[in-house]
Amino acid sequence: MKLTFLTLAGIENSTTKRVFYIAKELKKRGHEINFLSLNWVAKKGSAGKGNELIEGIKVKEIKIKDSLFSIFLVGPLRLFPKLNGDLIVLSKPLLPHTIPFLLANFFKRKKYVLDTDDWEGVGGGASYSHFGWLKRSMITLFEEYIMNKADGVIAVSRVLERRSMDAGAKKVAYIPNVSDVGDFDVKEEEKEKLKKEFGINNEKIFLSSGSHSADMVVDGIKFFIEGFGKAKGNFKIIITGQGKYTENLKQLCNKLGLKDKVIFTGFVDDKKFSACVIISHVAIIPHATKYPYTLYALSSSPRKMYEAMASGLAVLGCPVGEVKETLGGSDNFLVPEGDVDALAKKIDEIIKMDNNKLKAIGLKNKEKINEFYNFKVQGENVERFLRTIL
């Protein structure tokens, strides 16, 4: 097959890595790949990849301004000559990215598959949470139209699978998010150095690595911080990352008397993050599903969860969306969203648990990634689905 992948940001952007890794897997399987990125929020001098050959794949980033003129005219004109091959895979279809594609594709009449990974535009989603009810309703109708017109839909969650079917999608494949599989190369002295830096002795260590800029994630982190504020055991929380709400999170920790129990690392490189994982026992997966980003939270397939599982960590989260789909019925720790007392009780239970038992849970998580949730398996599933379209 000759395939063109079209997404919305440079491949150095973490939200684009999944679809690029899928493209790499399909390249390994003998398919010809053309990888396009329509970066509609690009500014002059942005760090996106331009005309390059990366790991055997031709990558082209098309930068346009965030304006109606660019979205309706410049974008389609630049895309038109590049939409080649047997099939187009349209990933992360927000409106400013989808409209230029639909206009350009109208004249080419190419078959296309909608990949819904990290679809922030779902009605009431995180990207549009500041919009009123009418705008969100119009966005929802437009997106369901796209689902209906596509030759196939790759749904990364059961919620999106059902929504695609309800919209009348011709074919739907449920293919959730995944993670790389591999072991961290962290030396013992590096691990001990980090523990000394963080003042860690024999505490249970919880790790949070979510965004501090997305309302949905930050509200979820706040819920977990409140739970830890009521917990009585010996613990520490490592919170990596930084964003516009970091100071709010620090203030909440101070208010709850957690100043000495929570370590805010800011942004860390891969090496230091690997060390953070190695010294941790449990990963926190925050997911807030309250309005107006309810559908987004339920629809998303949280990559951080799969990465935590691949790292061999047990998981603490709420039984919502793909967290429930992936971890329901396992030995991981799921507590009702919003129930701070239940969360505090669960945290104290985890603190009292033997470390070897937590390692055993983490090992099962890693085995699950090895078997079901990795790019090799996902590449095979995507290839099988795309062949049914042609």
Protein backbone atom coordinates (compact mmCIF):
# COMPACT_ATOMS: atom_id res chain seq x y z
CA MET A 1 0.00 0.00 0.00
CA LYS A 2 1.00 3.60 -0.60
CA LEU A 3 -0.18 5.55 2.45
CA THR A 4 -0.23 9.25 3.31
CA PHE A 5 -0.45 10.12 7.00
CA LEU A 6 -1.71 13.63 7.77
CA THR A 7 -1.58 15.02 11.30
CA LEU A 8 -1.51 18.40 12.99
CA ALA A 9 1.90 18.99 14.57
CA GLY A 10 5.58 18.29 14.04
CA ILE A 11 6.67 14.76 14.97
CA GLU A 12 8.72 16.11 17.88
CA ASN A 13 5.33 16.87 19.48
CA SER A 14 4.40 14.08 21.91
CA THR A 15 0.81 14.02 20.67
CA THR A 16 2.00 13.05 17.20
CA LYS A 17 4.41 10.28 18.19
CA ARG A 18 1.80 7.53 18.20
CA VAL A 19 0.76 8.01 14.59
CA PHE A 20 4.40 8.39 13.48
CA TYR A 21 5.30 5.14 15.24
CA ILE A 22 2.39 3.43 13.49
CA ALA A 23 3.74 4.75 10.19
CA LYS A 24 7.16 3.33 11.07
CA GLU A 25 5.64 -0.08 11.77
CA LEU A 26 3.85 -0.04 8.42
CA LYS A 27 7.09 1.02 6.73
CA LYS A 28 8.78 -2.03 8.26
CA ARG A 29 6.03 -4.18 6.80
CA GLY A 30 6.87 -3.00 3.27
CA HIS A 31 4.38 -0.16 2.73
CA GLU A 32 5.33 3.16 1.12
CA ILE A 33 4.76 6.00 3.58
CA ASN A 34 4.31 9.73 3.02
CA PHE A 35 4.06 11.68 6.29
CA LEU A 36 2.51 15.17 6.27
CA SER A 37 1.99 17.56 9.15
CA LEU A 38 -0.35 20.52 8.68
CA ASN A 39 0.82 22.71 11.53
CA TRP A 40 -1.88 25.35 11.71
CA VAL A 41 -0.60 26.91 14.95
CA ALA A 42 2.98 27.17 13.69
CA LYS A 43 4.86 30.38 14.31
CA LYS A 44 7.92 31.55 12.43
CA GLY A 45 10.94 29.65 13.68
CA SER A 46 8.95 26.83 15.34
CA ALA A 47 10.82 23.58 15.91
CA GLY A 48 8.75 21.39 13.62
CA LYS A 49 10.40 18.95 11.24
CA GLY A 50 10.62 20.17 7.66
CA ASN A 51 11.59 18.30 4.51
CA GLU A 52 13.50 15.40 6.01
CA LEU A 53 13.93 11.66 5.76
CA ILE A 54 13.42 10.33 9.27
CA GLU A 55 13.90 6.60 9.87
CA GLY A 56 13.10 5.89 6.24
CA ILE A 57 9.96 8.03 6.16
CA LYS A 58 9.55 11.23 4.13
CA VAL A 59 8.36 13.93 6.52
CA LYS A 60 6.92 17.23 5.33
CA GLU A 61 5.60 19.92 7.69
CA ILE A 62 3.26 22.43 6.09
CA LYS A 63 3.02 25.56 8.22
CA ILE A 64 0.01 27.82 7.95
CA LYS A 65 -1.25 30.68 10.08
CA ASP A 66 -4.18 30.27 12.46
CA SER A 67 -6.63 32.28 10.34
CA LEU A 68 -9.74 31.58 8.27
CA PHE A 69 -7.90 32.63 5.10
CA SER A 70 -5.16 30.06 5.74
CA ILE A 71 -7.55 27.32 6.85
CA PHE A 72 -9.94 27.68 3.89
CA LEU A 73 -7.50 28.62 1.12
CA VAL A 74 -3.77 28.39 1.89
CA GLY A 75 -3.95 25.02 3.66
CA PRO A 76 -6.01 23.24 0.97
CA LEU A 77 -3.82 24.62 -1.85
CA ARG A 78 -0.64 23.43 -0.13
CA LEU A 79 -2.12 20.05 0.73
CA PHE A 80 -3.68 19.27 -2.65
CA PRO A 81 -0.55 18.17 -4.55
CA LYS A 82 0.71 16.12 -1.61
CA LEU A 83 -2.34 13.91 -0.99
CA ASN A 84 -1.04 10.90 -2.88
CA GLY A 85 -1.15 7.13 -2.51
CA ASP A 86 -3.89 4.54 -2.09
CA LEU A 87 -5.25 5.83 1.21
CA ILE A 88 -5.04 8.87 3.51
CA VAL A 89 -4.90 8.42 7.28
CA LEU A 90 -6.17 11.64 8.89
CA SER A 91 -5.07 11.80 12.51
CA LYS A 92 -6.15 14.15 15.33
CA PRO A 93 -8.85 15.83 13.23
CA LEU A 94 -9.48 19.20 14.85
CA LEU A 95 -11.48 21.57 12.67
CA PRO A 96 -8.63 23.88 11.49
CA HIS A 97 -6.77 20.77 10.43
CA THR A 98 -9.69 18.78 9.00
CA ILE A 99 -11.33 21.50 6.90
CA PRO A 100 -8.24 22.10 4.69
CA PHE A 101 -7.97 18.33 4.19
CA LEU A 102 -11.63 17.93 3.21
CA LEU A 103 -11.42 20.84 0.76
CA ALA A 104 -8.21 19.52 -0.84
CA ASN A 105 -9.43 15.94 -0.87
CA PHE A 106 -12.74 16.88 -2.55
CA PHE A 107 -11.00 17.19 -5.90
CA LYS A 108 -8.79 14.12 -5.47
CA ARG A 109 -11.52 11.75 -4.33
CA LYS A 110 -9.11 9.76 -2.22
CA LYS A 111 -10.27 7.20 0.30
CA TYR A 112 -9.45 8.23 3.86
CA VAL A 113 -9.49 6.79 7.35
CA LEU A 114 -10.09 8.92 10.43
CA ASP A 115 -7.69 8.18 13.31
CA THR A 116 -9.26 9.62 16.47
CA ASP A 117 -6.22 9.52 18.75
CA ASP A 118 -6.26 12.44 21.19
CA TRP A 119 -9.31 13.95 19.50
CA GLU A 120 -9.60 17.07 21.63
CA GLY A 121 -12.32 18.50 19.44
CA VAL A 122 -15.11 16.18 20.52
CA GLY A 123 -18.12 18.26 21.48
CA GLY A 124 -17.41 19.85 24.84
CA GLY A 125 -13.79 18.68 24.63
CA ALA A 126 -10.79 20.22 26.35
CA SER A 127 -9.83 22.46 23.43
CA TYR A 128 -13.31 23.93 23.17
CA SER A 129 -14.29 24.01 26.85
CA HIS A 130 -14.49 27.81 26.73
CA PHE A 131 -17.06 27.71 23.91
CA GLY A 132 -20.77 28.00 24.57
CA TRP A 133 -23.28 25.19 24.14
CA LEU A 134 -24.23 26.22 20.59
CA LYS A 135 -20.64 26.23 19.28
CA ARG A 136 -19.88 22.89 20.89
CA SER A 137 -23.06 21.42 19.42
CA MET A 138 -22.10 22.64 15.94
CA ILE A 139 -18.61 21.14 16.37
CA THR A 140 -20.15 17.83 17.42
CA LEU A 141 -22.38 17.76 14.33
CA PHE A 142 -19.42 18.53 12.07
CA GLU A 143 -17.32 15.79 13.63
CA GLU A 144 -20.10 13.24 13.31
CA TYR A 145 -20.41 14.24 9.65
CA ILE A 146 -16.69 13.51 9.22
CA MET A 147 -17.14 10.11 10.86
CA ASN A 148 -20.03 9.35 8.55
CA LYS A 149 -18.18 10.34 5.38
CA ALA A 150 -14.85 8.64 6.17
CA ASP A 151 -14.18 5.24 4.61
CA GLY A 152 -13.20 3.98 8.03
CA VAL A 153 -12.62 5.14 11.61
CA ILE A 154 -9.88 4.02 14.00
CA ALA A 155 -11.36 4.54 17.46
CA VAL A 156 -8.85 4.73 20.33
CA SER A 157 -11.54 4.20 22.98
CA ARG A 158 -14.77 2.29 23.39
CA VAL A 159 -16.61 5.60 23.79
CA LEU A 160 -15.37 6.80 20.39
CA GLU A 161 -16.11 3.39 18.90
CA ARG A 162 -19.76 3.67 19.96
CA ARG A 163 -19.94 7.31 18.88
CA SER A 164 -18.52 6.46 15.43
CA MET A 165 -21.06 3.69 14.99
CA ASP A 166 -23.91 5.97 16.08
CA ALA A 167 -22.69 8.53 13.50
CA GLY A 168 -23.03 5.91 10.79
CA ALA A 169 -19.34 5.25 10.14
CA LYS A 170 -18.86 2.70 7.35
CA LYS A 171 -16.22 0.69 9.23
CA VAL A 172 -14.86 1.06 12.74
CA ALA A 173 -11.80 -0.53 14.39
CA TYR A 174 -11.12 -0.25 18.11
CA ILE A 175 -7.34 0.22 18.44
CA PRO A 176 -6.39 1.88 21.76
CA ASN A 177 -3.28 3.86 22.53
CA VAL A 178 -0.04 2.07 23.27
CA SER A 179 3.50 2.52 24.55
CA ASP A 180 7.05 1.63 23.70
CA VAL A 181 8.29 -1.53 25.36
CA GLY A 182 11.72 -1.52 26.95
CA ASP A 183 13.74 -1.46 30.15
CA PHE A 184 15.23 1.65 31.71
CA ASP A 185 19.00 1.80 31.82
CA VAL A 186 19.46 3.49 35.20
CA LYS A 187 22.58 2.78 37.24
CA GLU A 188 22.29 2.13 40.97
CA GLU A 189 24.36 5.20 41.84
CA GLU A 190 22.05 7.39 39.74
CA LYS A 191 19.04 6.01 41.56
CA GLU A 192 20.59 6.62 44.97
CA LYS A 193 21.68 10.11 43.95
CA LEU A 194 18.09 11.01 42.98
CA LYS A 195 16.69 9.58 46.23
CA LYS A 196 19.15 11.71 48.15
CA GLU A 197 18.23 14.79 46.11
CA PHE A 198 14.52 14.23 46.84
CA GLY A 199 15.06 13.30 50.49
CA ILE A 200 13.55 9.85 50.01
CA ASN A 201 14.15 7.13 52.59
CA ASN A 202 11.63 4.31 53.07
CA GLU A 203 8.45 6.08 51.90
CA LYS A 204 6.02 4.72 49.35
CA ILE A 205 6.65 6.76 46.23
CA PHE A 206 3.82 7.85 43.92
CA LEU A 207 4.58 9.36 40.51
CA SER A 208 2.48 11.82 38.50
CA SER A 209 3.67 12.83 35.02
CA GLY A 210 0.69 14.61 33.51
CA SER A 211 0.35 18.05 31.95
CA HIS A 212 -0.01 21.10 34.18
CA SER A 213 -1.70 23.13 31.45
CA ALA A 214 -4.77 21.02 30.57
CA ASP A 215 -7.78 21.71 32.80
CA MET A 216 -8.90 18.09 32.69
CA VAL A 217 -5.56 16.72 33.89
CA VAL A 218 -4.96 19.41 36.53
CA ASP A 219 -8.41 18.91 38.06
CA GLY A 220 -7.58 15.21 38.25
CA ILE A 221 -4.24 15.92 39.95
CA LYS A 222 -6.01 18.18 42.46
CA PHE A 223 -8.38 15.35 43.36
CA PHE A 224 -5.45 13.05 44.09
CA ILE A 225 -3.61 15.72 46.09
CA GLU A 226 -6.74 16.15 48.22
CA GLY A 227 -6.77 12.40 48.81
CA PHE A 228 -3.15 12.42 49.88
CA GLY A 229 -3.98 15.33 52.19
CA LYS A 230 -6.26 12.97 54.13
CA ALA A 231 -3.95 9.94 54.01
CA LYS A 232 -2.03 9.06 57.16
CA GLY A 233 0.75 6.81 55.93
CA ASN A 234 4.37 7.48 55.05
CA PHE A 235 4.60 8.58 51.41
CA LYS A 236 6.04 11.04 48.93
CA ILE A 237 4.69 12.17 45.56
CA ILE A 238 6.92 13.05 42.62
CA ILE A 239 5.16 15.41 40.22
CA THR A 240 7.05 15.96 36.98
CA GLY A 241 6.27 18.59 34.36
CA GLN A 242 5.31 22.22 34.50
CA GLY A 243 2.58 24.49 33.18
CA LYS A 244 0.30 27.41 33.86
CA TYR A 245 -1.32 25.63 36.84
CA THR A 246 1.86 24.43 38.57
CA GLU A 247 1.77 27.22 41.15
CA ASN A 248 -1.88 26.45 41.92
CA LEU A 249 -0.94 22.83 42.59
CA LYS A 250 1.91 23.91 44.88
CA GLN A 251 -0.44 26.22 46.79
CA LEU A 252 -2.93 23.39 47.27
CA CYS A 253 -0.15 21.14 48.61
CA ASN A 254 0.92 23.85 51.07
CA LYS A 255 -2.67 24.36 52.18
CA LEU A 256 -3.08 20.64 52.89
CA GLY A 257 0.22 20.35 54.77
CA LEU A 258 1.92 18.35 52.01
CA LYS A 259 4.81 20.71 51.31
CA ASP A 260 7.43 18.23 52.54
CA LYS A 261 5.71 15.24 50.94
CA VAL A 262 5.37 16.49 47.36
CA ILE A 263 8.33 16.96 45.03
CA PHE A 264 7.75 19.22 42.02
CA THR A 265 10.57 18.48 39.58
CA GLY A 266 9.62 20.80 36.73
CA PHE A 267 10.55 19.54 33.28
CA VAL A 268 13.03 16.65 33.39
CA ASP A 269 15.00 14.99 30.61
CA ASP A 270 14.47 11.34 29.66
CA LYS A 271 17.35 10.15 31.82
CA LYS A 272 16.08 11.80 34.99
CA PHE A 273 12.50 10.78 34.28
CA SER A 274 13.65 7.16 33.92
CA ALA A 275 15.27 7.43 37.34
CA CYS A 276 12.00 8.89 38.76
CA VAL A 277 10.16 5.84 37.43
CA ILE A 278 12.72 3.40 38.85
CA ILE A 279 12.42 4.78 42.40
CA SER A 280 8.59 4.93 42.30
CA HIS A 281 6.10 2.27 43.34
CA VAL A 282 2.80 3.51 41.90
CA ALA A 283 1.85 5.78 38.99
CA ILE A 284 -1.02 8.23 39.37
CA ILE A 285 -3.27 8.57 36.31
CA PRO A 286 -5.44 11.69 36.81
CA HIS A 287 -8.62 11.93 34.77
CA ALA A 288 -11.35 14.47 35.52
CA THR A 289 -14.60 13.85 33.65
CA LYS A 290 -16.71 16.74 34.89
CA TYR A 291 -18.43 19.08 32.40
CA PRO A 292 -17.42 20.67 30.02
CA TYR A 293 -14.71 18.13 29.14
CA THR A 294 -16.62 15.00 30.10
CA LEU A 295 -16.72 13.49 26.63
CA TYR A 296 -13.06 14.26 25.99
CA ALA A 297 -11.96 12.53 29.20
CA LEU A 298 -14.09 9.48 28.49
CA SER A 299 -13.02 9.37 24.85
CA SER A 300 -9.28 9.69 25.35
CA SER A 301 -6.82 6.82 25.54
CA PRO A 302 -4.27 8.07 28.11
CA ARG A 303 -0.75 7.40 26.83
CA LYS A 304 0.69 8.11 30.30
CA MET A 305 -1.17 5.07 31.65
CA TYR A 306 0.30 2.75 29.03
CA GLU A 307 3.76 4.20 29.58
CA ALA A 308 3.42 3.62 33.34
CA MET A 309 2.36 0.04 32.69
CA ALA A 310 5.26 -0.49 30.29
CA SER A 311 7.57 0.86 33.00
CA GLY A 312 6.43 -1.88 35.37
CA LEU A 313 4.49 0.36 37.76
CA ALA A 314 1.21 -0.34 39.48
CA VAL A 315 -1.47 2.24 38.65
CA LEU A 316 -3.74 4.38 40.84
CA GLY A 317 -6.63 5.99 38.97
CA CYS A 318 -10.39 6.26 38.55
CA PRO A 319 -12.58 3.69 36.73
CA VAL A 320 -13.52 5.95 33.82
CA GLY A 321 -13.13 5.56 30.05
CA GLU A 322 -10.11 3.63 28.85
CA VAL A 323 -8.63 3.47 32.36
CA LYS A 324 -11.54 1.24 33.33
CA GLU A 325 -11.42 -0.61 29.98
CA THR A 326 -7.73 -1.40 30.36
CA LEU A 327 -7.38 -1.92 34.12
CA GLY A 328 -10.85 -3.05 35.22
CA GLY A 329 -10.67 -6.45 36.88
CA SER A 330 -6.90 -6.22 37.45
CA ASP A 331 -5.02 -5.80 40.73
CA ASN A 332 -4.41 -2.11 40.08
CA PHE A 333 -6.03 0.53 42.27
CA LEU A 334 -9.19 2.24 41.00
CA VAL A 335 -11.25 4.56 43.19
CA PRO A 336 -14.52 6.39 42.43
CA GLU A 337 -13.89 9.81 40.94
CA GLY A 338 -14.62 12.60 43.40
CA ASP A 339 -14.65 10.34 46.51
CA VAL A 340 -11.72 11.83 48.45
CA ASP A 341 -12.31 9.64 51.54
CA ALA A 342 -12.24 6.46 49.47
CA LEU A 343 -9.07 7.68 47.77
CA ALA A 344 -7.36 8.42 51.10
CA LYS A 345 -8.30 4.95 52.37
CA LYS A 346 -6.92 3.33 49.22
CA ILE A 347 -3.67 5.32 49.49
CA ASP A 348 -3.19 4.10 53.07
CA GLU A 349 -3.82 0.52 51.92
CA ILE A 350 -1.14 0.89 49.22
CA ILE A 351 1.33 2.37 51.71
CA LYS A 352 0.94 -0.70 53.93
CA MET A 353 1.41 -3.13 51.05
CA ASP A 354 4.61 -5.10 50.64
CA ASN A 355 6.81 -3.65 47.88
CA ASN A 356 7.16 -7.07 46.26
CA LYS A 357 3.39 -7.23 45.84
CA LEU A 358 3.40 -3.85 44.10
CA LYS A 359 6.24 -5.06 41.86
CA ALA A 360 4.18 -8.12 40.95
CA ILE A 361 1.27 -5.90 39.89
CA GLY A 362 3.65 -3.77 37.84
CA LEU A 363 5.12 -6.87 36.19
CA LYS A 364 1.64 -8.00 35.10
CA ASN A 365 1.06 -4.52 33.66
CA LYS A 366 4.30 -4.76 31.69
CA GLU A 367 3.36 -8.21 30.39
CA LYS A 368 0.02 -6.80 29.26
CA ILE A 369 1.80 -4.07 27.29
CA ASN A 370 4.11 -6.66 25.75
CA GLU A 371 1.15 -8.72 24.63
CA PHE A 372 -1.52 -6.20 23.64
CA TYR A 373 -0.56 -2.52 23.91
CA ASN A 374 2.61 -1.96 21.89
CA PHE A 375 3.36 -0.41 18.51
CA LYS A 376 4.15 -3.71 16.80
CA VAL A 377 0.73 -5.15 17.67
CA GLN A 378 -0.97 -1.87 16.87
CA GLY A 379 0.79 -1.65 13.51
CA GLU A 380 -0.48 -5.13 12.65
CA ASN A 381 -4.03 -4.19 13.67
CA VAL A 382 -3.95 -0.94 11.68
CA GLU A 383 -2.58 -2.72 8.60
CA ARG A 384 -5.31 -5.38 8.83
CA PHE A 385 -7.99 -2.68 9.09
CA LEU A 386 -6.63 -0.54 6.23
CA ARG A 387 -6.65 -3.56 3.90
CA THR A 388 -10.39 -3.88 4.46
CA ILE A 389 -10.84 -0.30 3.17
CA LEU A 390 -9.06 -0.79 -0.16
